[in-house]
C-alpha cells in the first residue's frame, strides 16, 4: 500500500521572495536525490484566499518505509535545517495510505 505525504508551510512575514524561491528549488531537486520518491509536487500559494499557507508539498511513496527514507534523508534534512527552519512560522502535515 502506498503513502501520500502532504505538507503546508507558512513563512514569517519577513521572508523574502528569493528565500521562498530557494526553498522551492531545493525541494524540487529532492526527487533526483531520493529514489524512494514516486511523485513530488511543490508549489506556492496562488493567493486566491486570505489565510492560506504559503507553500504546499504533495509526495507519494510506494510504502511507509519509502516515506521514512525520505523523511530522514540527509538531503531532505538539509533543506529543512538550512532553508526552512530559519523562516518558518507554521507547518501542517498529514500522511495517508493510497
Protein backbone atom coordinates (compact mmCIF):
# COMPACT_ATOMS: atom_id res chain seq x y z
CA UNK A 1 0.00 0.00 0.00
CA UNK A 2 1.35 3.41 -0.95
CA UNK A 3 1.57 6.52 1.19
CA UNK A 4 0.86 10.17 0.42
CA UNK A 5 2.56 12.90 2.46
CA UNK A 6 1.01 16.39 2.34
CA UNK A 7 2.66 19.41 3.94
CA UNK A 8 1.77 23.08 4.09
CA UNK A 9 4.25 25.72 5.22
CA UNK A 10 3.65 29.27 6.36
CA UNK A 11 6.61 31.62 6.42
CA UNK A 12 7.41 34.58 8.65
CA UNK A 13 6.37 37.99 7.34
CA UNK A 14 10.00 39.00 6.76
CA UNK A 15 10.67 36.04 4.43
CA UNK A 16 11.80 37.28 1.02
CA UNK A 17 10.66 36.04 -2.38
CA UNK A 18 14.24 34.94 -3.01
CA UNK A 19 14.21 32.77 0.12
CA UNK A 20 10.94 31.15 -0.92
CA UNK A 21 12.28 30.55 -4.42
CA UNK A 22 15.41 28.93 -2.97
CA UNK A 23 13.26 26.62 -0.80
CA UNK A 24 11.05 25.63 -3.75
CA UNK A 25 14.05 24.89 -5.98
CA UNK A 26 15.81 22.88 -3.26
CA UNK A 27 12.66 20.83 -2.61
CA UNK A 28 12.16 20.22 -6.34
CA UNK A 29 15.67 18.74 -6.53
CA UNK A 30 14.88 16.08 -3.90
CA UNK A 31 13.34 13.50 -6.29
CA UNK A 32 16.66 13.31 -8.14
CA UNK A 33 18.41 12.64 -4.82
CA UNK A 34 15.96 10.25 -3.14
CA UNK A 35 14.95 7.19 -5.16
CA UNK A 36 12.01 6.33 -2.89
CA UNK A 37 10.00 9.38 -4.03
CA UNK A 38 7.42 8.23 -6.62
CA UNK A 39 5.71 11.56 -7.20
CA UNK A 40 6.57 15.01 -5.85
CA UNK A 41 4.73 18.28 -6.36
CA UNK A 42 5.81 21.57 -4.79
CA UNK A 43 4.13 24.91 -5.31
CA UNK A 44 3.50 28.31 -3.80
CA UNK A 45 0.03 29.52 -2.94
CA UNK A 46 -1.96 31.12 -5.77
CA UNK A 47 -3.20 33.74 -3.26
CA UNK A 48 -6.88 33.11 -4.00
CA UNK A 49 -7.92 33.16 -0.35
CA UNK A 50 -6.59 35.05 2.62
CA UNK A 51 -5.04 32.99 5.39
CA UNK A 52 -3.70 30.20 3.18
CA UNK A 53 -0.30 28.66 3.77
CA UNK A 54 2.49 29.93 1.54
CA UNK A 55 3.75 26.62 0.16
CA UNK A 56 2.40 23.12 -0.37
CA UNK A 57 4.11 19.78 -0.95
CA UNK A 58 2.46 16.52 -2.02
CA UNK A 59 4.74 13.47 -2.11
CA UNK A 60 3.84 9.87 -2.92
CA UNK A 61 5.74 6.78 -1.86
CA UNK A 62 5.31 3.06 -2.50
CA UNK A 63 5.42 2.30 1.22
CA UNK A 64 5.74 3.71 4.71
CA UNK A 65 9.37 2.64 4.61
CA UNK A 66 9.94 4.73 1.49
CA UNK A 67 8.44 7.75 3.24
CA UNK A 68 10.71 7.15 6.23
CA UNK A 69 13.78 7.09 3.98
CA UNK A 70 12.68 10.46 2.54
CA UNK A 71 11.85 11.89 5.97
CA UNK A 72 15.28 11.05 7.35
CA UNK A 73 17.36 11.51 4.19
CA UNK A 74 20.30 13.93 4.63
CA UNK A 75 19.32 15.96 1.53
CA UNK A 76 15.78 16.47 2.86
CA UNK A 77 17.03 17.26 6.34
CA UNK A 78 19.47 19.83 4.91
CA UNK A 79 16.63 21.69 3.15
CA UNK A 80 14.69 21.73 6.40
CA UNK A 81 17.51 22.86 8.68
CA UNK A 82 19.29 25.26 6.32
CA UNK A 83 16.41 26.86 4.42
CA UNK A 84 13.02 26.20 6.02
CA UNK A 85 13.61 26.43 9.77
CA UNK A 86 15.13 29.94 9.57
CA UNK A 87 11.91 31.33 8.03
CA UNK A 88 9.11 29.03 9.24
CA UNK A 89 6.09 30.41 11.07
CA UNK A 90 3.87 27.32 10.82
CA UNK A 91 3.69 23.80 9.44
CA UNK A 92 0.92 21.29 8.99
CA UNK A 93 1.20 17.76 7.63
CA UNK A 94 -0.76 14.58 7.08
CA UNK A 95 0.15 11.17 5.75
CA UNK A 96 -2.49 8.82 4.40
CA UNK A 97 -2.49 5.50 2.61
CA UNK A 98 -3.19 5.48 -1.12
